[in-house]
Structures are given as structure tokens and as C-alpha cells.
N, C-alpha and C. Protein backbone atom coordinates (compact mmCIF):
# COMPACT_ATOMS: atom_id res chain seq x y z
N MET A 1 89.94 36.81 47.93
CA MET A 1 88.77 36.13 47.39
C MET A 1 88.15 36.94 46.26
N MET A 2 88.08 38.25 46.46
CA MET A 2 87.50 39.13 45.44
C MET A 2 88.34 39.10 44.17
N LEU A 3 89.67 39.04 44.34
CA LEU A 3 90.57 38.99 43.20
C LEU A 3 90.35 37.73 42.37
N LEU A 4 90.17 36.59 43.03
CA LEU A 4 89.91 35.34 42.33
C LEU A 4 88.59 35.40 41.56
N LEU A 5 87.59 36.01 42.15
CA LEU A 5 86.29 36.15 41.48
C LEU A 5 86.43 37.02 40.23
N MET A 6 87.18 38.11 40.34
CA MET A 6 87.37 38.98 39.19
C MET A 6 88.14 38.27 38.07
N ILE A 7 89.15 37.50 38.43
CA ILE A 7 89.92 36.74 37.43
C ILE A 7 89.02 35.72 36.75
N ALA A 8 88.18 35.03 37.52
CA ALA A 8 87.27 34.04 36.95
C ALA A 8 86.30 34.70 35.97
N ILE A 9 85.79 35.86 36.30
CA ILE A 9 84.86 36.57 35.42
C ILE A 9 85.57 36.99 34.13
N ILE A 10 86.78 37.49 34.25
CA ILE A 10 87.54 37.90 33.06
C ILE A 10 87.81 36.70 32.16
N VAL A 11 88.17 35.58 32.73
CA VAL A 11 88.43 34.37 31.95
C VAL A 11 87.16 33.92 31.24
N MET A 12 86.03 33.95 31.92
CA MET A 12 84.76 33.55 31.31
C MET A 12 84.41 34.48 30.15
N ILE A 13 84.58 35.77 30.32
CA ILE A 13 84.30 36.73 29.25
C ILE A 13 85.21 36.48 28.06
N TYR A 14 86.47 36.20 28.31
CA TYR A 14 87.41 35.91 27.24
C TYR A 14 86.95 34.71 26.42
N TYR A 15 86.55 33.63 27.08
CA TYR A 15 86.13 32.43 26.37
C TYR A 15 84.84 32.65 25.59
N VAL A 16 83.93 33.44 26.11
CA VAL A 16 82.69 33.74 25.38
C VAL A 16 83.01 34.54 24.13
N LEU A 17 83.86 35.54 24.24
CA LEU A 17 84.23 36.35 23.08
C LEU A 17 85.01 35.54 22.06
N ALA A 18 85.90 34.68 22.51
CA ALA A 18 86.69 33.83 21.61
C ALA A 18 85.77 32.86 20.87
N GLU A 19 84.78 32.31 21.56
CA GLU A 19 83.84 31.38 20.94
C GLU A 19 83.00 32.09 19.89
N ASP A 20 82.57 33.31 20.16
CA ASP A 20 81.79 34.08 19.20
C ASP A 20 82.60 34.35 17.93
N SER A 21 83.86 34.69 18.07
CA SER A 21 84.67 34.97 16.89
C SER A 21 84.92 33.69 16.10
N LEU A 22 85.03 32.56 16.77
CA LEU A 22 85.20 31.29 16.09
C LEU A 22 83.96 30.95 15.27
N ILE A 23 82.79 31.21 15.83
CA ILE A 23 81.54 30.93 15.12
C ILE A 23 81.43 31.80 13.88
N GLU A 24 81.83 33.06 13.97
CA GLU A 24 81.73 33.96 12.83
C GLU A 24 82.64 33.54 11.69
N GLU A 25 83.77 32.94 11.99
CA GLU A 25 84.75 32.61 10.98
C GLU A 25 84.60 31.19 10.44
N THR A 26 83.71 30.41 11.01
CA THR A 26 83.57 29.03 10.56
C THR A 26 82.12 28.68 10.31
N SER A 27 81.94 27.65 9.53
CA SER A 27 80.63 27.07 9.31
C SER A 27 80.85 25.57 9.14
N ARG A 28 79.86 24.87 8.70
CA ARG A 28 79.99 23.42 8.51
C ARG A 28 79.78 23.05 7.05
N CYS A 29 80.52 22.08 6.61
CA CYS A 29 80.35 21.55 5.26
C CYS A 29 78.96 20.93 5.17
N SER A 30 78.26 21.20 4.09
CA SER A 30 76.90 20.67 3.94
C SER A 30 76.88 19.16 3.71
N ASP A 31 78.00 18.60 3.29
CA ASP A 31 78.05 17.15 3.06
C ASP A 31 78.49 16.36 4.29
N CYS A 32 79.63 16.75 4.89
CA CYS A 32 80.18 15.93 5.97
C CYS A 32 80.12 16.59 7.35
N GLN A 33 79.63 17.83 7.42
CA GLN A 33 79.47 18.57 8.67
C GLN A 33 80.78 18.93 9.37
N THR A 34 81.90 18.85 8.66
CA THR A 34 83.17 19.27 9.23
C THR A 34 83.20 20.79 9.37
N LEU A 35 83.78 21.29 10.46
CA LEU A 35 83.93 22.73 10.61
C LEU A 35 84.88 23.24 9.53
N ILE A 36 84.46 24.30 8.85
CA ILE A 36 85.28 24.89 7.80
C ILE A 36 85.32 26.40 7.96
N LYS A 37 86.42 27.00 7.56
CA LYS A 37 86.53 28.45 7.56
C LYS A 37 85.81 29.00 6.34
N ASP A 38 85.29 30.20 6.46
CA ASP A 38 84.56 30.82 5.36
C ASP A 38 85.45 31.07 4.14
N SER A 39 86.74 31.11 4.32
CA SER A 39 87.65 31.37 3.21
C SER A 39 88.03 30.12 2.42
N TYR A 40 87.65 28.93 2.90
CA TYR A 40 88.01 27.69 2.22
C TYR A 40 87.31 27.57 0.87
N LEU A 41 88.04 27.09 -0.13
CA LEU A 41 87.45 26.82 -1.44
C LEU A 41 86.89 25.40 -1.51
N TYR A 42 87.51 24.48 -0.78
CA TYR A 42 87.09 23.08 -0.72
C TYR A 42 87.08 22.62 0.72
N CYS A 43 86.23 21.68 1.04
CA CYS A 43 86.22 21.09 2.38
C CYS A 43 87.48 20.25 2.54
N PRO A 44 88.24 20.43 3.62
CA PRO A 44 89.47 19.66 3.80
C PRO A 44 89.21 18.19 4.13
N ASN A 45 87.99 17.86 4.49
CA ASN A 45 87.68 16.48 4.84
C ASN A 45 87.15 15.69 3.65
N CYS A 46 86.11 16.19 3.00
CA CYS A 46 85.47 15.42 1.92
C CYS A 46 85.74 15.98 0.53
N LYS A 47 86.44 17.10 0.44
CA LYS A 47 86.83 17.73 -0.83
C LYS A 47 85.67 18.33 -1.61
N LYS A 48 84.54 18.57 -0.95
CA LYS A 48 83.42 19.21 -1.64
C LYS A 48 83.80 20.65 -2.00
N GLN A 49 83.47 21.07 -3.22
CA GLN A 49 83.74 22.44 -3.64
C GLN A 49 82.80 23.38 -2.92
N LEU A 50 83.34 24.39 -2.27
CA LEU A 50 82.55 25.34 -1.50
C LEU A 50 82.43 26.69 -2.21
N LYS A 51 83.43 27.05 -2.99
CA LYS A 51 83.43 28.32 -3.70
C LYS A 51 83.85 28.07 -5.14
N LYS A 52 83.37 28.93 -6.02
CA LYS A 52 83.76 28.88 -7.43
C LYS A 52 84.17 30.27 -7.87
N GLU A 53 84.90 30.33 -8.96
CA GLU A 53 85.36 31.61 -9.47
C GLU A 53 84.33 32.16 -10.45
N CYS A 54 83.95 33.41 -10.26
CA CYS A 54 83.02 34.07 -11.16
C CYS A 54 83.67 34.17 -12.54
N GLU A 55 82.92 33.84 -13.57
CA GLU A 55 83.46 33.86 -14.93
C GLU A 55 83.72 35.27 -15.44
N GLN A 56 83.05 36.27 -14.86
CA GLN A 56 83.22 37.64 -15.35
C GLN A 56 84.28 38.42 -14.57
N CYS A 57 84.23 38.36 -13.24
CA CYS A 57 85.14 39.19 -12.44
C CYS A 57 86.25 38.40 -11.75
N ASN A 58 86.17 37.07 -11.81
CA ASN A 58 87.19 36.17 -11.24
C ASN A 58 87.28 36.18 -9.73
N LYS A 59 86.29 36.74 -9.03
CA LYS A 59 86.26 36.66 -7.57
C LYS A 59 85.60 35.35 -7.17
N PHE A 60 86.00 34.83 -6.01
CA PHE A 60 85.42 33.57 -5.54
C PHE A 60 84.09 33.83 -4.84
N ILE A 61 83.10 33.04 -5.20
CA ILE A 61 81.76 33.16 -4.63
C ILE A 61 81.27 31.78 -4.21
N ASP A 62 80.28 31.74 -3.38
CA ASP A 62 79.69 30.49 -2.91
C ASP A 62 79.10 29.72 -4.10
N VAL A 63 79.28 28.41 -4.13
CA VAL A 63 78.78 27.62 -5.27
C VAL A 63 77.26 27.61 -5.35
N THR A 64 76.57 27.93 -4.28
CA THR A 64 75.10 27.91 -4.31
C THR A 64 74.50 29.21 -4.82
N TRP A 65 75.31 30.26 -4.99
CA TRP A 65 74.81 31.55 -5.45
C TRP A 65 74.52 31.51 -6.94
N ARG A 66 73.40 32.04 -7.34
CA ARG A 66 73.04 32.08 -8.76
C ARG A 66 73.70 33.24 -9.49
N HIS A 67 73.96 34.34 -8.75
CA HIS A 67 74.55 35.52 -9.36
C HIS A 67 75.69 36.04 -8.49
N CYS A 68 76.68 36.58 -9.15
CA CYS A 68 77.82 37.15 -8.43
C CYS A 68 77.43 38.51 -7.86
N PRO A 69 77.63 38.73 -6.57
CA PRO A 69 77.29 40.02 -5.96
C PRO A 69 78.28 41.13 -6.30
N TYR A 70 79.40 40.77 -6.91
CA TYR A 70 80.43 41.75 -7.23
C TYR A 70 80.28 42.31 -8.65
N CYS A 71 79.54 41.61 -9.51
CA CYS A 71 79.37 42.03 -10.90
C CYS A 71 78.11 42.88 -11.03
N LYS A 72 78.10 43.72 -12.04
CA LYS A 72 76.92 44.55 -12.31
C LYS A 72 75.89 43.76 -13.07
């Protein structure tokens, strides 16, 4: 009985940690609310542009940012 309880606790901890990592790596599209990874350039559902290329350093940044955090 004790072994089953320990296994259940381990499984619950695993799912909580897995859910936390999923939340960190994803967000929602502001237009269609589809789950998207932070690395996506466009929403795979509605095709909204999520990132743009900085004109000076060519790194991809969020389209809502006014200034590139990588440039001086």
C-alpha cells in the first residue's frame, strides 16, 4: 500500500513539473488564442506575425516591442 502511495505521489509531481515547463514554453496568440511556442514567428492557426527581424542586428524580436533589446 505504501509503495502505491509513493508511486502516485511521484506521478503527480511529474505532471506538475511537466505542466510548468509547458507553460514556460508556450503562450497564446493574441488574435485567436491558440497555444503557441515562444519560438514561433507566426501563429500556425491564424498566421498572425508574432516576431519580426530587427533591421540593425537581424535578430527576431516580438512585433510589439518598440526597441530591440539586442542593439545598443
